[in-house]
PDB file of N, CA and C in Angstrom:
ATOM      1  N   UNK A   1     113.273 118.735  87.973  1.00  0.00           N
ATOM      2  CA  UNK A   1     111.992 118.984  88.634  1.00  0.00           C
ATOM      3  C   UNK A   1     111.181 117.685  88.602  1.00  0.00           C
ATOM      4  N   UNK A   2     110.598 117.288  89.731  1.00  0.00           N
ATOM      5  CA  UNK A   2     109.787 116.068  89.756  1.00  0.00           C
ATOM      6  C   UNK A   2     108.604 116.164  88.795  1.00  0.00           C
ATOM      7  N   UNK A   3     108.205 115.036  88.258  1.00  0.00           N
ATOM      8  CA  UNK A   3     107.091 115.025  87.312  1.00  0.00           C
ATOM      9  C   UNK A   3     105.757 115.094  88.038  1.00  0.00           C
ATOM     10  N   UNK A   4     104.802 115.808  87.449  1.00  0.00           N
ATOM     11  CA  UNK A   4     103.460 115.939  88.024  1.00  0.00           C
ATOM     12  C   UNK A   4     102.658 114.678  87.729  1.00  0.00           C
ATOM     13  N   UNK A   5     101.746 114.339  88.640  1.00  0.00           N
ATOM     14  CA  UNK A   5     100.894 113.170  88.486  1.00  0.00           C
ATOM     15  C   UNK A   5      99.439 113.584  88.583  1.00  0.00           C
ATOM     16  N   UNK A   6      98.563 112.772  88.070  1.00  0.00           N
ATOM     17  CA  UNK A   6      97.124 113.025  88.166  1.00  0.00           C
ATOM     18  C   UNK A   6      96.552 112.285  89.371  1.00  0.00           C
ATOM     19  N   UNK A   7      95.284 112.510  89.650  1.00  0.00           N
ATOM     20  CA  UNK A   7      94.579 111.746  90.672  1.00  0.00           C
ATOM     21  C   UNK A   7      94.871 112.163  92.100  1.00  0.00           C
ATOM     22  N   UNK A   8      95.118 113.451  92.340  1.00  0.00           N
ATOM     23  CA  UNK A   8      95.336 113.921  93.702  1.00  0.00           C
ATOM     24  C   UNK A   8      96.755 113.760  94.209  1.00  0.00           C
ATOM     25  N   UNK A   9      97.692 113.424  93.338  1.00  0.00           N
ATOM     26  CA  UNK A   9      99.092 113.294  93.725  1.00  0.00           C
ATOM     27  C   UNK A   9      99.903 114.338  92.973  1.00  0.00           C
ATOM     28  N   UNK A  10     100.910 114.884  93.639  1.00  0.00           N
ATOM     29  CA  UNK A  10     101.714 115.939  93.044  1.00  0.00           C
ATOM     30  C   UNK A  10     102.886 115.436  92.227  1.00  0.00           C
ATOM     31  N   UNK A  11     103.692 114.551  92.803  1.00  0.00           N
ATOM     32  CA  UNK A  11     104.880 114.079  92.111  1.00  0.00           C
ATOM     33  C   UNK A  11     105.420 112.835  92.800  1.00  0.00           C
ATOM     34  N   UNK A  12     106.370 112.222  92.142  1.00  0.00           N
ATOM     35  CA  UNK A  12     107.080 111.098  92.749  1.00  0.00           C
ATOM     36  C   UNK A  12     108.262 111.647  93.526  1.00  0.00           C
ATOM     37  N   UNK A  13     108.438 111.148  94.741  1.00  0.00           N
ATOM     38  CA  UNK A  13     109.547 111.576  95.585  1.00  0.00           C
ATOM     39  C   UNK A  13     110.317 110.343  96.039  1.00  0.00           C
ATOM     40  N   UNK A  14     111.627 110.423  95.939  1.00  0.00           N
ATOM     41  CA  UNK A  14     112.482 109.352  96.455  1.00  0.00           C
ATOM     42  C   UNK A  14     112.648 109.588  97.951  1.00  0.00           C
ATOM     43  N   UNK A  15     112.397 108.557  98.745  1.00  0.00           N
ATOM     44  CA  UNK A  15     112.550 108.621 100.196  1.00  0.00           C
ATOM     45  C   UNK A  15     113.684 107.703 100.610  1.00  0.00           C
ATOM     46  N   UNK A  16     114.587 108.224 101.418  1.00  0.00           N
ATOM     47  CA  UNK A  16     115.721 107.469 101.928  1.00  0.00           C
ATOM     48  C   UNK A  16     115.581 107.363 103.442  1.00  0.00           C
ATOM     49  N   UNK A  17     115.822 106.180 103.993  1.00  0.00           N
ATOM     50  CA  UNK A  17     115.693 105.946 105.421  1.00  0.00           C
ATOM     51  C   UNK A  17     117.036 105.468 105.969  1.00  0.00           C
ATOM     52  N   UNK A  18     117.445 106.023 107.114  1.00  0.00           N
ATOM     53  CA  UNK A  18     118.743 105.701 107.681  1.00  0.00           C
ATOM     54  C   UNK A  18     118.625 105.244 109.130  1.00  0.00           C
ATOM     55  N   UNK A  19     119.617 104.448 109.564  1.00  0.00           N
ATOM     56  CA  UNK A  19     119.775 103.981 110.941  1.00  0.00           C
ATOM     57  C   UNK A  19     118.512 103.264 111.423  1.00  0.00           C
ATOM     58  N   UNK A  20     118.030 103.575 112.640  1.00  0.00           N
ATOM     59  CA  UNK A  20     116.880 102.842 113.172  1.00  0.00           C
ATOM     60  C   UNK A  20     115.590 103.145 112.422  1.00  0.00           C
ATOM     61  N   UNK A  21     115.516 104.255 111.701  1.00  0.00           N
ATOM     62  CA  UNK A  21     114.334 104.514 110.863  1.00  0.00           C
ATOM     63  C   UNK A  21     114.260 103.430 109.783  1.00  0.00           C
ATOM     64  N   UNK A  22     115.391 103.168 109.128  1.00  0.00           N
ATOM     65  CA  UNK A  22     115.461 102.117 108.098  1.00  0.00           C
ATOM     66  C   UNK A  22     115.146 100.753 108.698  1.00  0.00           C
ATOM     67  N   UNK A  23     115.707 100.459 109.856  1.00  0.00           N
ATOM     68  CA  UNK A  23     115.489  99.151 110.483  1.00  0.00           C
ATOM     69  C   UNK A  23     114.019  98.917 110.808  1.00  0.00           C
ATOM     70  N   UNK A  24     113.337  99.930 111.317  1.00  0.00           N
ATOM     71  CA  UNK A  24     111.923  99.779 111.685  1.00  0.00           C
ATOM     72  C   UNK A  24     111.005  99.718 110.473  1.00  0.00           C
ATOM     73  N   UNK A  25     111.317 100.493 109.436  1.00  0.00           N
ATOM     74  CA  UNK A  25     110.481 100.476 108.227  1.00  0.00           C
ATOM     75  C   UNK A  25     110.755  99.220 107.405  1.00  0.00           C
ATOM     76  N   UNK A  26     112.004  98.746 107.443  1.00  0.00           N
ATOM     77  CA  UNK A  26     112.340  97.512 106.736  1.00  0.00           C
ATOM     78  C   UNK A  26     112.851  97.712 105.327  1.00  0.00           C
ATOM     79  N   UNK A  27     113.205  98.939 104.994  1.00  0.00           N
ATOM     80  CA  UNK A  27     113.795  99.213 103.676  1.00  0.00           C
ATOM     81  C   UNK A  27     114.625 100.482 103.768  1.00  0.00           C
ATOM     82  N   UNK A  28     115.575 100.603 102.882  1.00  0.00           N
ATOM     83  CA  UNK A  28     116.459 101.760 102.879  1.00  0.00           C
ATOM     84  C   UNK A  28     115.976 102.901 102.012  1.00  0.00           C
ATOM     85  N   UNK A  29     115.162 102.570 101.027  1.00  0.00           N
ATOM     86  CA  UNK A  29     114.647 103.624 100.151  1.00  0.00           C
ATOM     87  C   UNK A  29     113.431 103.136  99.388  1.00  0.00           C
ATOM     88  N   UNK A  30     112.675 104.093  98.907  1.00  0.00           N
ATOM     89  CA  UNK A  30     111.527 103.805  98.048  1.00  0.00           C
ATOM     90  C   UNK A  30     111.140 105.098  97.334  1.00  0.00           C
ATOM     91  N   UNK A  31     110.385 104.970  96.273  1.00  0.00           N
ATOM     92  CA  UNK A  31     109.858 106.118  95.555  1.00  0.00           C
ATOM     93  C   UNK A  31     108.344 106.055  95.650  1.00  0.00           C
ATOM     94  N   UNK A  32     107.749 107.145  96.148  1.00  0.00           N
ATOM     95  CA  UNK A  32     106.310 107.188  96.374  1.00  0.00           C
ATOM     96  C   UNK A  32     105.679 108.397  95.701  1.00  0.00           C
ATOM     97  N   UNK A  33     104.411 108.268  95.329  1.00  0.00           N
ATOM     98  CA  UNK A  33     103.627 109.392  94.827  1.00  0.00           C
ATOM     99  C   UNK A  33     103.134 110.176  96.032  1.00  0.00           C
ATOM    100  N   UNK A  34     103.506 111.439  96.115  1.00  0.00           N
ATOM    101  CA  UNK A  34     103.154 112.281  97.256  1.00  0.00           C
ATOM    102  C   UNK A  34     101.765 112.878  97.035  1.00  0.00           C
ATOM    103  N   UNK A  35     100.849 112.691  97.982  1.00  0.00           N
ATOM    104  CA  UNK A  35      99.499 113.263  97.837  1.00  0.00           C
ATOM    105  C   UNK A  35      99.536 114.793  97.769  1.00  0.00           C
ATOM    106  N   UNK A  36      98.571 115.353  97.074  1.00  0.00           N
ATOM    107  CA  UNK A  36      98.510 116.799  96.871  1.00  0.00           C
ATOM    108  C   UNK A  36      98.406 117.575  98.173  1.00  0.00           C
ATOM    109  N   UNK A  37      97.808 116.996  99.206  1.00  0.00           N
ATOM    110  CA  UNK A  37      97.630 117.736 100.457  1.00  0.00           C
ATOM    111  C   UNK A  37      98.836 117.635 101.395  1.00  0.00           C
ATOM    112  N   UNK A  38      99.879 116.957 100.994  1.00  0.00           N
ATOM    113  CA  UNK A  38     101.113 116.882 101.779  1.00  0.00           C
ATOM    114  C   UNK A  38     102.008 118.032 101.316  1.00  0.00           C
ATOM    115  N   UNK A  39     102.107 119.058 102.166  1.00  0.00           N
ATOM    116  CA  UNK A  39     102.796 120.277 101.752  1.00  0.00           C
ATOM    117  C   UNK A  39     104.070 120.580 102.525  1.00  0.00           C
ATOM    118  N   UNK A  40     104.203 120.064 103.753  1.00  0.00           N
ATOM    119  CA  UNK A  40     105.355 120.380 104.589  1.00  0.00           C
ATOM    120  C   UNK A  40     106.064 119.107 105.030  1.00  0.00           C
ATOM    121  N   UNK A  41     107.226 119.285 105.625  1.00  0.00           N
ATOM    122  CA  UNK A  41     107.956 118.148 106.187  1.00  0.00           C
ATOM    123  C   UNK A  41     107.095 117.429 107.222  1.00  0.00           C
ATOM    124  N   UNK A  42     106.440 118.187 108.096  1.00  0.00           N
ATOM    125  CA  UNK A  42     105.573 117.571 109.110  1.00  0.00           C
ATOM    126  C   UNK A  42     104.431 116.801 108.459  1.00  0.00           C
ATOM    127  N   UNK A  43     103.851 117.344 107.392  1.00  0.00           N
ATOM    128  CA  UNK A  43     102.794 116.635 106.663  1.00  0.00           C
ATOM    129  C   UNK A  43     103.331 115.324 106.089  1.00  0.00           C
ATOM    130  N   UNK A  44     104.540 115.364 105.545  1.00  0.00           N
ATOM    131  CA  UNK A  44     105.140 114.175 104.943  1.00  0.00           C
ATOM    132  C   UNK A  44     105.325 113.083 105.997  1.00  0.00           C
ATOM    133  N   UNK A  45     105.887 113.450 107.141  1.00  0.00           N
ATOM    134  CA  UNK A  45     106.086 112.470 108.216  1.00  0.00           C
ATOM    135  C   UNK A  45     104.739 111.929 108.685  1.00  0.00           C
ATOM    136  N   UNK A  46     103.755 112.807 108.843  1.00  0.00           N
ATOM    137  CA  UNK A  46     102.420 112.369 109.256  1.00  0.00           C
ATOM    138  C   UNK A  46     101.786 111.422 108.254  1.00  0.00           C
ATOM    139  N   UNK A  47     101.917 111.726 106.977  1.00  0.00           N
ATOM    140  CA  UNK A  47     101.369 110.858 105.933  1.00  0.00           C
ATOM    141  C   UNK A  47     102.084 109.508 105.921  1.00  0.00           C
ATOM    142  N   UNK A  48     103.404 109.529 106.042  1.00  0.00           N
ATOM    143  CA  UNK A  48     104.141 108.268 106.054  1.00  0.00           C
ATOM    144  C   UNK A  48     103.699 107.382 107.216  1.00  0.00           C
ATOM    145  N   UNK A  49     103.396 107.966 108.362  1.00  0.00           N
ATOM    146  CA  UNK A  49     102.953 107.182 109.526  1.00  0.00           C
ATOM    147  C   UNK A  49     101.688 106.387 109.224  1.00  0.00           C
ATOM    148  N   UNK A  50     100.881 106.842 108.278  1.00  0.00           N
ATOM    149  CA  UNK A  50      99.628 106.154 107.943  1.00  0.00           C
ATOM    150  C   UNK A  50      99.835 104.984 106.977  1.00  0.00           C
ATOM    151  N   UNK A  51     101.048 104.793 106.509  1.00  0.00           N
ATOM    152  CA  UNK A  51     101.302 103.772 105.492  1.00  0.00           C
ATOM    153  C   UNK A  51     101.419 102.357 106.049  1.00  0.00           C
ATOM    154  N   UNK A  52     101.395 102.191 107.359  1.00  0.00           N
ATOM    155  CA  UNK A  52     101.446 100.851 107.929  1.00  0.00           C
ATOM    156  C   UNK A  52     102.102 100.855 109.281  1.00  0.00           C
ATOM    157  N   UNK A  53     102.000  99.733 110.006  1.00  0.00           N
ATOM    158  CA  UNK A  53     102.540  99.672 111.369  1.00  0.00           C
ATOM    159  C   UNK A  53     104.051  99.878 111.435  1.00  0.00           C
ATOM    160  N   UNK A  54     104.769  99.466 110.413  1.00  0.00           N
ATOM    161  CA  UNK A  54     106.216  99.662 110.426  1.00  0.00           C
ATOM    162  C   UNK A  54     106.584 101.145 110.346  1.00  0.00           C
ATOM    163  N   UNK A  55     105.807 101.911 109.566  1.00  0.00           N
ATOM    164  CA  UNK A  55     106.037 103.361 109.477  1.00  0.00           C
ATOM    165  C   UNK A  55     105.644 104.035 110.790  1.00  0.00           C
ATOM    166  N   UNK A  56     104.533 103.611 111.356  1.00  0.00           N
ATOM    167  CA  UNK A  56     104.093 104.162 112.642  1.00  0.00           C
ATOM    168  C   UNK A  56     105.153 103.916 113.711  1.00  0.00           C
ATOM    169  N   UNK A  57     105.723 102.725 113.734  1.00  0.00           N
ATOM    170  CA  UNK A  57     106.759 102.407 114.717  1.00  0.00           C
ATOM    171  C   UNK A  57     108.001 103.279 114.527  1.00  0.00           C
ATOM    172  N   UNK A  58     108.369 103.525 113.289  1.00  0.00           N
ATOM    173  CA  UNK A  58     109.563 104.311 113.000  1.00  0.00           C
ATOM    174  C   UNK A  58     109.366 105.800 113.228  1.00  0.00           C
ATOM    175  N   UNK A  59     108.153 106.289 113.003  1.00  0.00           N
ATOM    176  CA  UNK A  59     107.924 107.734 112.972  1.00  0.00           C
ATOM    177  C   UNK A  59     106.976 108.225 114.055  1.00  0.00           C
ATOM    178  N   UNK A  60     106.652 107.380 115.033  1.00  0.00           N
ATOM    179  CA  UNK A  60     105.666 107.759 116.045  1.00  0.00           C
ATOM    180  C   UNK A  60     106.106 108.958 116.881  1.00  0.00           C
ATOM    181  N   UNK A  61     107.391 109.129 117.062  1.00  0.00           N
ATOM    182  CA  UNK A  61     107.909 110.299 117.776  1.00  0.00           C
ATOM    183  C   UNK A  61     108.582 111.205 116.752  1.00  0.00           C
ATOM    184  N   UNK A  62     107.770 112.032 116.100  1.00  0.00           N
ATOM    185  CA  UNK A  62     108.257 112.858 114.993  1.00  0.00           C
ATOM    186  C   UNK A  62     109.434 113.738 115.396  1.00  0.00           C
ATOM    187  N   UNK A  63     109.471 114.178 116.660  1.00  0.00           N
ATOM    188  CA  UNK A  63     110.569 115.041 117.091  1.00  0.00           C
ATOM    189  C   UNK A  63     111.898 114.287 117.144  1.00  0.00           C
ATOM    190  N   UNK A  64     111.858 112.971 117.090  1.00  0.00           N
ATOM    191  CA  UNK A  64     113.079 112.166 117.121  1.00  0.00           C
ATOM    192  C   UNK A  64     113.580 111.830 115.720  1.00  0.00           C
ATOM    193  N   UNK A  65     112.943 112.376 114.700  1.00  0.00           N
ATOM    194  CA  UNK A  65     113.328 112.103 113.318  1.00  0.00           C
ATOM    195  C   UNK A  65     113.688 113.425 112.643  1.00  0.00           C
ATOM    196  N   UNK A  66     114.812 113.430 111.959  1.00  0.00           N
ATOM    197  CA  UNK A  66     115.226 114.595 111.188  1.00  0.00           C
ATOM    198  C   UNK A  66     114.959 114.308 109.712  1.00  0.00           C
ATOM    199  N   UNK A  67     114.749 115.386 108.956  1.00  0.00           N
ATOM    200  CA  UNK A  67     114.479 115.247 107.527  1.00  0.00           C
ATOM    201  C   UNK A  67     115.381 116.207 106.758  1.00  0.00           C
ATOM    202  N   UNK A  68     115.923 115.710 105.666  1.00  0.00           N
ATOM    203  CA  UNK A  68     116.663 116.550 104.729  1.00  0.00           C
ATOM    204  C   UNK A  68     115.952 116.474 103.381  1.00  0.00           C
ATOM    205  N   UNK A  69     115.732 117.610 102.768  1.00  0.00           N
ATOM    206  CA  UNK A  69     115.138 117.683 101.429  1.00  0.00           C
ATOM    207  C   UNK A  69     116.245 118.014 100.436  1.00  0.00           C
ATOM    208  N   UNK A  70     116.414 117.158  99.468  1.00  0.00           N
ATOM    209  CA  UNK A  70     117.480 117.336  98.477  1.00  0.00           C
ATOM    210  C   UNK A  70     118.811 117.645  99.164  1.00  0.00           C
ATOM    211  N   UNK A  71     119.107 116.877 100.229  1.00  0.00           N
ATOM    212  CA  UNK A  71     120.372 116.909 100.975  1.00  0.00           C
ATOM    213  C   UNK A  71     120.571 118.148 101.847  1.00  0.00           C
ATOM    214  N   UNK A  72     119.499 118.888 102.140  1.00  0.00           N
ATOM    215  CA  UNK A  72     119.573 120.062 103.009  1.00  0.00           C
ATOM    216  C   UNK A  72     118.596 119.845 104.163  1.00  0.00           C
ATOM    217  N   UNK A  73     119.103 119.966 105.403  1.00  0.00           N
ATOM    218  CA  UNK A  73     118.236 119.803 106.579  1.00  0.00           C
ATOM    219  C   UNK A  73     117.031 120.728 106.471  1.00  0.00           C
ATOM    220  N   UNK A  74     115.857 120.223 106.858  1.00  0.00           N
ATOM    221  CA  UNK A  74     114.615 120.986 106.736  1.00  0.00           C
ATOM    222  C   UNK A  74     113.831 120.927 108.045  1.00  0.00           C
ATOM    223  N   UNK A  75     113.265 122.051 108.442  1.00  0.00           N
ATOM    224  CA  UNK A  75     112.427 122.138 109.635  1.00  0.00           C
ATOM    225  C   UNK A  75     111.059 121.525 109.350  1.00  0.00           C
ATOM    226  N   UNK A  76     110.319 121.146 110.402  1.00  0.00           N
ATOM    227  CA  UNK A  76     109.001 120.539 110.200  1.00  0.00           C
ATOM    228  C   UNK A  76     108.040 121.388 109.361  1.00  0.00           C
ATOM    229  N   UNK A  77     108.135 122.688 109.454  1.00  0.00           N
ATOM    230  CA  UNK A  77     107.239 123.555 108.693  1.00  0.00           C
ATOM    231  C   UNK A  77     107.703 123.881 107.287  1.00  0.00           C
ATOM    232  N   UNK A  78     108.857 123.366 106.884  1.00  0.00           N
ATOM    233  CA  UNK A  78     109.398 123.662 105.556  1.00  0.00           C
ATOM    234  C   UNK A  78     108.550 123.015 104.463  1.00  0.00           C
ATOM    235  N   UNK A  79     108.403 123.723 103.368  1.00  0.00           N
ATOM    236  CA  UNK A  79     107.661 123.204 102.222  1.00  0.00           C
ATOM    237  C   UNK A  79     108.446 122.089 101.547  1.00  0.00           C
ATOM    238  N   UNK A  80     107.748 121.061 101.113  1.00  0.00           N
ATOM    239  CA  UNK A  80     108.383 119.977 100.357  1.00  0.00           C
ATOM    240  C   UNK A  80     108.146 120.143  98.860  1.00  0.00           C
ATOM    241  N   UNK A  81     107.425 121.181  98.473  1.00  0.00           N
ATOM    242  CA  UNK A  81     107.093 121.382  97.060  1.00  0.00           C
ATOM    243  C   UNK A  81     108.342 121.406  96.185  1.00  0.00           C
ATOM    244  N   UNK A  82     108.349 120.571  95.183  1.00  0.00           N
ATOM    245  CA  UNK A  82     109.449 120.533  94.233  1.00  0.00           C
ATOM    246  C   UNK A  82     110.633 119.686  94.646  1.00  0.00           C
ATOM    247  N   UNK A  83     110.639 119.173  95.871  1.00  0.00           N
ATOM    248  CA  UNK A  83     111.767 118.341  96.309  1.00  0.00           C
ATOM    249  C   UNK A  83     111.728 116.991  95.597  1.00  0.00           C
ATOM    250  N   UNK A  84     112.876 116.545  95.154  1.00  0.00           N
ATOM    251  CA  UNK A  84     112.972 115.249  94.483  1.00  0.00           C
ATOM    252  C   UNK A  84     113.275 114.130  95.462  1.00  0.00           C
ATOM    253  N   UNK A  85     113.876 114.491  96.630  1.00  0.00           N
ATOM    254  CA  UNK A  85     114.321 113.478  97.573  1.00  0.00           C
ATOM    255  C   UNK A  85     114.131 113.966  99.002  1.00  0.00           C
ATOM    256  N   UNK A  86     113.716 113.046  99.859  1.00  0.00           N
ATOM    257  CA  UNK A  86     113.640 113.316 101.300  1.00  0.00           C
ATOM    258  C   UNK A  86     114.359 112.193 102.012  1.00  0.00           C
ATOM    259  N   UNK A  87     115.256 112.554 102.930  1.00  0.00           N
ATOM    260  CA  UNK A  87     115.963 111.577 103.745  1.00  0.00           C
ATOM    261  C   UNK A  87     115.470 111.708 105.177  1.00  0.00           C
ATOM    262  N   UNK A  88     115.144 110.592 105.811  1.00  0.00           N
ATOM    263  CA  UNK A  88     114.674 110.580 107.190  1.00  0.00           C
ATOM    264  C   UNK A  88     115.685 109.804 108.026  1.00  0.00           C
ATOM    265  N   UNK A  89     116.103 110.404 109.154  1.00  0.00           N
ATOM    266  CA  UNK A  89     117.158 109.813 109.971  1.00  0.00           C
ATOM    267  C   UNK A  89     117.043 110.330 111.402  1.00  0.00           C
ATOM    268  N   UNK A  90     117.630 109.602 112.353  1.00  0.00           N
ATOM    269  CA  UNK A  90     117.613 110.063 113.743  1.00  0.00           C
ATOM    270  C   UNK A  90     118.586 111.222 113.913  1.00  0.00           C
ATOM    271  N   UNK A  91     118.442 111.977 115.002  1.00  0.00           N
ATOM    272  CA  UNK A  91     119.398 113.049 115.272  1.00  0.00           C
ATOM    273  C   UNK A  91     120.795 112.479 115.385  1.00  0.00           C
ATOM    274  N   UNK A  92     121.753 113.236 114.951  1.00  0.00           N
ATOM    275  CA  UNK A  92     123.150 112.792 115.028  1.00  0.00           C
ATOM    276  C   UNK A  92     123.785 113.359 116.300  1.00  0.00           C
ATOM    277  N   UNK A  93     124.685 112.600 116.857  1.00  0.00           N
ATOM    278  CA  UNK A  93     125.420 113.085 118.013  1.00  0.00           C
ATOM    279  C   UNK A  93     126.891 113.151 117.686  1.00  0.00           C
ATOM    280  N   UNK A  94     127.543 114.065 118.285  1.00  0.00           N
ATOM    281  CA  UNK A  94     128.986 114.208 118.059  1.00  0.00           C
ATOM    282  C   UNK A  94     129.757 113.657 119.242  1.00  0.00           C
ATOM    283  N   UNK A  95     131.033 113.522 119.069  1.00  0.00           N
ATOM    284  CA  UNK A  95     131.815 112.999 120.174  1.00  0.00           C
ATOM    285  C   UNK A  95     133.210 113.507 120.161  1.00  0.00           C
TER     286      UNK A  95
END
C-alpha cells in the first residue's frame, strides 16, 4: 500500500511513460506525490498536464492516451486510490 503524505498529498505514485508519451515528456518514469484532490484517472492526466509544457504536449489529447493502474487498464473515471503505479501510453494497434 502506498505511504500517506501530509500537506494535501495522498501518496507517492510511480508513473511510467511509454512510446511518444515518453518522448514528449522527456523521461521514462518518475515518482510523484499525488495531490489529495486527484481521485480518478482523468484527474491524474489533467493534473499531469499542469506540470509543464512537455506534459501538456504529451497529454493534450487525453483520449489518445491510455492508462494502466498497477498493470491493469483503467477507464478515465476509474479511481486511482491506493494505486502504486500508473503507466501512460498511446493506444496499441494490432496487425
